[in-house]
C-alpha atoms as a PDB file:
ATOM      1  CA  MET A   1      -0.729 -12.290  15.718  1.00  0.00           C
ATOM      2  CA  LEU A   2      -0.181  -9.966  18.651  1.00  0.00           C
ATOM      3  CA  ARG A   3       2.950  -8.529  17.009  1.00  0.00           C
ATOM      4  CA  ALA A   4       0.967  -7.836  13.826  1.00  0.00           C
ATOM      5  CA  ALA A   5      -1.773  -6.061  15.782  1.00  0.00           C
ATOM      6  CA  LEU A   6       0.745  -4.015  17.726  1.00  0.00           C
ATOM      7  CA  GLY A   7       2.581  -3.154  14.500  1.00  0.00           C
ATOM      8  CA  GLY A   8      -0.657  -1.916  12.935  1.00  0.00           C
ATOM      9  CA  LEU A   9      -1.431   0.123  16.045  1.00  0.00           C
ATOM     10  CA  LEU A  10       2.047   1.641  16.004  1.00  0.00           C
ATOM     11  CA  ILE A  11       1.670   2.649  12.360  1.00  0.00           C
ATOM     12  CA  GLY A  12      -1.649   4.280  13.197  1.00  0.00           C
ATOM     13  CA  LEU A  13      -0.152   6.192  16.096  1.00  0.00           C
ATOM     14  CA  LEU A  14       2.796   7.391  14.030  1.00  0.00           C
ATOM     15  CA  ALA A  15       0.605   8.655  11.220  1.00  0.00           C
ATOM     16  CA  VAL A  16       0.508  12.413  11.311  1.00  0.00           C
ATOM     17  CA  PRO A  17      -3.057  13.570  10.791  1.00  0.00           C
ATOM     18  CA  ALA A  18      -3.550  15.117   7.363  1.00  0.00           C
ATOM     19  CA  ALA A  19      -6.327  17.096   5.790  1.00  0.00           C
ATOM     20  CA  ALA A  20      -9.054  14.988   4.232  1.00  0.00           C
ATOM     21  CA  GLY A  21      -7.963  14.089   0.715  1.00  0.00           C
ATOM     22  CA  GLU A  22      -4.272  14.468   1.530  1.00  0.00           C
ATOM     23  CA  PRO A  23      -2.875  11.247   2.980  1.00  0.00           C
ATOM     24  CA  SER A  24      -0.404  11.224   5.847  1.00  0.00           C
ATOM     25  CA  ALA A  25       3.151  10.080   5.113  1.00  0.00           C
ATOM     26  CA  ALA A  26       2.380   6.615   6.483  1.00  0.00           C
ATOM     27  CA  ALA A  27      -0.787   6.247   4.381  1.00  0.00           C
ATOM     28  CA  ASP A  28       1.081   7.593   1.352  1.00  0.00           C
ATOM     29  CA  ARG A  29       3.694   4.844   1.580  1.00  0.00           C
ATOM     30  CA  LEU A  30       1.050   2.148   2.107  1.00  0.00           C
ATOM     31  CA  LEU A  31      -0.863   3.397  -0.935  1.00  0.00           C
ATOM     32  CA  TRP A  32       2.260   3.630  -3.091  1.00  0.00           C
ATOM     33  CA  CYS A  33       3.610   0.209  -2.149  1.00  0.00           C
ATOM     34  CA  GLY A  34       0.169  -1.421  -2.329  1.00  0.00           C
ATOM     35  CA  SER A  35      -0.186  -0.126  -5.862  1.00  0.00           C
ATOM     36  CA  ALA A  36       3.329  -1.303  -6.743  1.00  0.00           C
ATOM     37  CA  PHE A  37       2.456  -4.797  -5.516  1.00  0.00           C
ATOM     38  CA  TYR A  38      -0.735  -4.685  -7.597  1.00  0.00           C
ATOM     39  CA  TRP A  39       1.290  -3.991 -10.744  1.00  0.00           C
ATOM     40  CA  LEU A  40       3.920  -6.604  -9.840  1.00  0.00           C
ATOM     41  CA  SER A  41       1.096  -9.108  -9.349  1.00  0.00           C
ATOM     42  CA  THR A  42      -0.311  -8.299 -12.779  1.00  0.00           C
ATOM     43  CA  ASP A  43       3.119  -8.721 -14.370  1.00  0.00           C
ATOM     44  CA  ALA A  44       3.658 -12.042 -12.603  1.00  0.00           C
ATOM     45  CA  TYR A  45       0.300 -13.416 -13.768  1.00  0.00           C
ATOM     46  CA  ASP A  46       1.002 -12.203 -17.310  1.00  0.00           C
ATOM     47  CA  SER A  47       4.310 -14.100 -17.188  1.00  0.00           C
ATOM     48  CA  GLY A  48       2.571 -17.290 -16.041  1.00  0.00           C
ATOM     49  CA  ASN A  49       3.947 -17.162 -12.506  1.00  0.00           C
ATOM     50  CA  ASP A  50       0.725 -17.610 -10.558  1.00  0.00           C
ATOM     51  CA  ALA A  51       2.418 -18.266  -7.204  1.00  0.00           C
ATOM     52  CA  GLU A  52       4.305 -14.976  -7.383  1.00  0.00           C
ATOM     53  CA  GLY A  53       1.170 -13.218  -8.617  1.00  0.00           C
ATOM     54  CA  ASP A  54      -0.784 -14.588  -5.664  1.00  0.00           C
ATOM     55  CA  GLU A  55       1.874 -13.424  -3.220  1.00  0.00           C
ATOM     56  CA  TYR A  56       2.075  -9.898  -4.640  1.00  0.00           C
ATOM     57  CA  GLY A  57      -1.728  -9.767  -4.839  1.00  0.00           C
ATOM     58  CA  ALA A  58      -2.062 -10.706  -1.165  1.00  0.00           C
ATOM     59  CA  TRP A  59       0.531  -8.098  -0.212  1.00  0.00           C
ATOM     60  CA  SER A  60      -1.310  -5.476  -2.270  1.00  0.00           C
ATOM     61  CA  ASP A  61      -4.613  -6.352  -0.602  1.00  0.00           C
ATOM     62  CA  ASP A  62      -3.027  -6.183   2.870  1.00  0.00           C
ATOM     63  CA  LEU A  63      -1.461  -2.765   2.316  1.00  0.00           C
ATOM     64  CA  ALA A  64      -4.612  -1.430   0.643  1.00  0.00           C
ATOM     65  CA  ALA A  65      -6.775  -2.511   3.584  1.00  0.00           C
ATOM     66  CA  ARG A  66      -4.396  -0.898   6.059  1.00  0.00           C
ATOM     67  CA  ALA A  67      -4.223   2.292   3.975  1.00  0.00           C
ATOM     68  CA  ASP A  68      -8.034   2.399   3.784  1.00  0.00           C
ATOM     69  CA  MET A  69      -8.342   2.190   7.576  1.00  0.00           C
ATOM     70  CA  MET A  70      -5.759   4.932   7.985  1.00  0.00           C
ATOM     71  CA  LEU A  71      -7.418   7.150   5.372  1.00  0.00           C
ATOM     72  CA  GLU A  72     -10.818   6.699   7.056  1.00  0.00           C
ATOM     73  CA  ALA A  73      -9.273   7.707  10.378  1.00  0.00           C
ATOM     74  CA  GLU A  74      -7.863  10.786   8.620  1.00  0.00           C
ATOM     75  CA  GLY A  75     -11.377  11.853   7.598  1.00  0.00           C
ATOM     76  CA  ASN A  76     -11.656  10.502   4.053  1.00  0.00           C
ATOM     77  CA  ASP A  77     -14.917   8.970   2.839  1.00  0.00           C
ATOM     78  CA  ASP A  78     -15.221   6.013   0.446  1.00  0.00           C
ATOM     79  CA  VAL A  79     -15.369   8.240  -2.635  1.00  0.00           C
ATOM     80  CA  ALA A  80     -12.176  10.089  -1.650  1.00  0.00           C
ATOM     81  CA  ILE A  81     -10.385   6.829  -0.820  1.00  0.00           C
ATOM     82  CA  THR A  82     -11.322   5.305  -4.180  1.00  0.00           C
ATOM     83  CA  ALA A  83     -10.123   8.439  -5.985  1.00  0.00           C
ATOM     84  CA  LEU A  84      -6.822   8.357  -4.080  1.00  0.00           C
ATOM     85  CA  ARG A  85      -6.264   4.674  -4.859  1.00  0.00           C
ATOM     86  CA  ASP A  86      -7.016   5.225  -8.561  1.00  0.00           C
ATOM     87  CA  ALA A  87      -4.614   8.171  -8.668  1.00  0.00           C
ATOM     88  CA  TYR A  88      -1.863   6.117  -7.018  1.00  0.00           C
ATOM     89  CA  ASP A  89      -2.381   3.233  -9.453  1.00  0.00           C
ATOM     90  CA  SER A  90      -1.886   5.611 -12.382  1.00  0.00           C
ATOM     91  CA  ARG A  91       1.114   7.368 -10.852  1.00  0.00           C
ATOM     92  CA  VAL A  92       2.905   4.307  -9.519  1.00  0.00           C
ATOM     93  CA  VAL A  93       2.844   2.393 -12.790  1.00  0.00           C
ATOM     94  CA  ASP A  94       4.668   5.354 -14.356  1.00  0.00           C
ATOM     95  CA  GLU A  95       7.145   5.850 -11.482  1.00  0.00           C
ATOM     96  CA  MET A  96       7.983   2.304 -10.442  1.00  0.00           C
ATOM     97  CA  GLY A  97      11.615   1.359 -10.969  1.00  0.00           C
ATOM     98  CA  LYS A  98      12.589   4.720 -12.442  1.00  0.00           C
ATOM     99  CA  PRO A  99      15.027   7.228 -11.006  1.00  0.00           C
ATOM    100  CA  GLY A 100      13.112   9.785  -8.987  1.00  0.00           C
ATOM    101  CA  ALA A 101      10.307   7.400  -8.001  1.00  0.00           C
ATOM    102  CA  LYS A 102       8.770   8.454  -4.696  1.00  0.00           C
ATOM    103  CA  TYR A 103       9.740   5.137  -3.078  1.00  0.00           C
ATOM    104  CA  ASP A 104      12.099   2.294  -3.885  1.00  0.00           C
ATOM    105  CA  VAL A 105       9.879  -0.691  -4.582  1.00  0.00           C
ATOM    106  CA  THR A 106      12.506  -3.014  -3.068  1.00  0.00           C
ATOM    107  CA  THR A 107      11.765  -1.481   0.365  1.00  0.00           C
ATOM    108  CA  CYS A 108       8.024  -2.169   0.135  1.00  0.00           C
ATOM    109  CA  PRO A 109       8.186  -5.739   1.480  1.00  0.00           C
ATOM    110  CA  ASP A 110       9.228  -4.166   4.806  1.00  0.00           C
ATOM    111  CA  LEU A 111       5.579  -3.076   5.182  1.00  0.00           C
ATOM    112  CA  VAL A 112       4.141  -6.560   4.771  1.00  0.00           C
ATOM    113  CA  VAL A 113       2.963  -8.171   7.986  1.00  0.00           C
ATOM    114  CA  SER A 114       4.065 -11.780   7.913  1.00  0.00           C
ATOM    115  CA  ALA A 115       1.487 -14.392   8.866  1.00  0.00           C
ATOM    116  CA  ALA A 116       4.209 -16.096  10.917  1.00  0.00           C
ATOM    117  CA  ASN A 117       4.536 -13.111  13.291  1.00  0.00           C
END
C-alpha cells in the first residue's frame, strides 16, 4: 500500500506542468493506456471472457482515476477532463496495435499498481 502511494506521488512529481487542456507527458500516457484497457475490456467481454474483461476494466478505471487527479492538478476542470478522455477514446481505438501508435499497448501494464504491492 505504501509503495503504491509513493509510486503515485512520484508520478505526480515527475509530471511536467502543462497548460490547461494540454496534458503532461505522464497524464498523456495514463489517458492513452487507460483508454486502451477500456477497449481491451470491451473486446474481452464481447468474446465471453468476463474475467479478462473485469481485469482490463479495473486497470482502465485505475489509470483513468490517476489521470483525472493529474489533470485536475494541471488546471483542467471536469468539462475539459471529460473532453480529453472522449478524445483519447476515439483516437486510441484507431491507433491501438498499429504501426505509429503513440504507445505500445504491451507496455501499458507497467502503469498498473498491483494490489499486492
